[in-house]
Amino acid sequence: MKNRPEKYTITLTEFQNRVYKEVSKIPKGKVRSYKYIACKIEKPNAWRAVANALKKNPFIGKVPCHRVIKSDGAIGGFSRGVNAKKKLLRAEGLTIKGNAVIINGDAFQGASLQHKKW
């Protein structure tokens, strides 16, 4: 009899499901802020909870949590470390200077991604 890998069940909260679904929409080579994701899931004050949900992301590779950064352009955290996050973002064509994402010559500003609906 062959050894079979154990099957695991992942239980997610409704909040985590919404975060992962929204983050999955971020295209390669683009970034969004934690605040942007919080607003998109209609929880505008839950940006820290978004960061915590992404820290626990069980779908690395399917949910691109490395594409979510701080509103001021800073890289933010990453379960595999900040240097790994920078490497992934650079591989997608983004420019990183110090600990900030640079877009069109300027540091990313999360406020520029705010939607008037919120």
Protein backbone atom coordinates (compact mmCIF):
# COMPACT_ATOMS: atom_id res chain seq x y z
CA MET A 1 0.00 0.00 0.00
CA LYS A 2 1.39 3.40 -1.01
CA ASN A 3 1.64 6.24 1.44
CA ARG A 4 -0.89 8.88 0.54
CA PRO A 5 -0.49 12.48 1.57
CA GLU A 6 -2.87 13.56 4.26
CA LYS A 7 -5.74 15.78 3.21
CA TYR A 8 -6.21 19.01 5.08
CA THR A 9 -9.28 21.12 5.41
CA ILE A 10 -8.81 24.87 5.48
CA THR A 11 -11.46 26.83 7.29
CA LEU A 12 -11.66 30.48 6.36
CA THR A 13 -13.77 33.27 7.77
CA GLU A 14 -16.10 35.19 5.48
CA PHE A 15 -13.76 38.16 5.88
CA GLN A 16 -10.72 36.13 4.75
CA ASN A 17 -12.66 34.79 1.76
CA ARG A 18 -13.55 38.32 0.70
CA VAL A 19 -9.97 39.55 1.13
CA TYR A 20 -8.46 36.66 -0.84
CA LYS A 21 -11.04 37.03 -3.62
CA GLU A 22 -10.32 40.76 -3.96
CA VAL A 23 -6.54 40.35 -3.84
CA SER A 24 -6.80 37.65 -6.52
CA LYS A 25 -8.04 40.38 -8.90
CA ILE A 26 -4.80 42.40 -8.72
CA PRO A 27 -3.04 41.95 -12.08
CA LYS A 28 0.60 41.00 -12.38
CA GLY A 29 2.80 44.09 -12.25
CA LYS A 30 0.28 46.13 -10.25
CA VAL A 31 -0.06 46.85 -6.54
CA ARG A 32 -2.89 47.92 -4.27
CA SER A 33 -2.84 49.17 -0.69
CA TYR A 34 -4.23 47.35 2.33
CA LYS A 35 -6.66 50.27 2.66
CA TYR A 36 -7.76 49.86 -0.97
CA ILE A 37 -8.57 46.19 -0.37
CA ALA A 38 -10.44 47.08 2.84
CA CYS A 39 -12.54 49.62 0.93
CA LYS A 40 -13.24 47.22 -1.93
CA ILE A 41 -14.67 44.65 0.49
CA GLU A 42 -16.74 47.41 2.12
CA LYS A 43 -14.77 47.44 5.38
CA PRO A 44 -12.85 50.73 4.98
CA ASN A 45 -11.47 50.78 8.52
CA ALA A 46 -10.30 47.17 8.45
CA TRP A 47 -6.97 47.68 6.70
CA ARG A 48 -5.06 46.09 9.59
CA ALA A 49 -7.39 43.10 9.49
CA VAL A 50 -6.68 42.84 5.75
CA ALA A 51 -2.94 42.74 6.52
CA ASN A 52 -3.52 40.04 9.15
CA ALA A 53 -5.62 37.97 6.75
CA LEU A 54 -2.88 38.18 4.14
CA LYS A 55 -0.27 37.19 6.71
CA LYS A 56 -2.23 33.94 7.12
CA ASN A 57 -2.75 33.42 3.37
CA PRO A 58 -2.85 29.64 2.80
CA PHE A 59 -2.98 30.11 -0.98
CA ILE A 60 0.50 31.44 -1.76
CA GLY A 61 0.78 31.38 -5.54
CA LYS A 62 -2.96 31.68 -6.12
CA VAL A 63 -3.64 34.75 -3.96
CA PRO A 64 -0.86 37.25 -4.78
CA CYS A 65 -0.56 38.87 -1.36
CA HIS A 66 2.86 40.27 -2.34
CA ARG A 67 0.97 42.78 -4.51
CA VAL A 68 -0.55 44.50 -1.47
CA ILE A 69 1.50 47.30 0.08
CA LYS A 70 1.05 50.19 2.51
CA SER A 71 -0.79 53.35 1.42
CA ASP A 72 2.42 55.38 1.63
CA GLY A 73 4.15 53.08 -0.87
CA ALA A 74 6.14 51.15 1.73
CA ILE A 75 6.46 47.45 1.04
CA GLY A 76 4.75 46.27 4.21
CA GLY A 77 5.11 42.77 5.58
CA PHE A 78 5.30 39.40 3.89
CA SER A 79 5.24 35.91 5.36
CA ARG A 80 8.46 35.02 3.54
CA GLY A 81 10.18 38.29 4.46
CA VAL A 82 10.40 41.74 2.93
CA ASN A 83 13.31 40.84 0.63
CA ALA A 84 11.28 38.00 -0.89
CA LYS A 85 8.38 40.41 -1.45
CA LYS A 86 10.70 42.90 -3.16
CA LYS A 87 12.10 40.14 -5.37
CA LEU A 88 8.60 39.05 -6.45
CA LEU A 89 7.53 42.64 -7.21
CA ARG A 90 10.71 43.31 -9.20
CA ALA A 91 10.15 40.09 -11.16
CA GLU A 92 6.76 41.52 -12.15
CA GLY A 93 8.41 44.67 -13.50
CA LEU A 94 7.89 47.02 -10.55
CA THR A 95 10.60 49.39 -9.38
CA ILE A 96 11.57 49.26 -5.71
CA LYS A 97 13.68 51.99 -4.12
CA GLY A 98 14.62 51.32 -0.52
CA ASN A 99 11.41 49.96 0.95
CA ALA A 100 9.01 51.75 -1.42
CA VAL A 101 7.34 50.90 -4.71
CA ILE A 102 8.01 53.53 -7.37
CA ILE A 103 5.36 54.17 -10.02
CA ASN A 104 5.91 56.71 -12.79
CA GLY A 105 8.95 58.08 -10.97
CA ASP A 106 7.08 58.72 -7.72
CA ALA A 107 6.47 56.66 -4.62
CA PHE A 108 3.14 54.83 -4.80
CA GLN A 109 0.35 56.73 -3.08
CA GLY A 110 -2.56 54.55 -1.98
CA ALA A 111 -4.89 57.54 -1.85
CA SER A 112 -4.69 57.78 -5.64
CA LEU A 113 -6.51 54.45 -5.79
CA GLN A 114 -9.43 55.52 -3.60
CA HIS A 115 -12.86 55.19 -5.14
CA LYS A 116 -15.49 57.87 -4.68
CA LYS A 117 -18.16 55.23 -3.99
CA TRP A 118 -16.76 54.60 -0.52
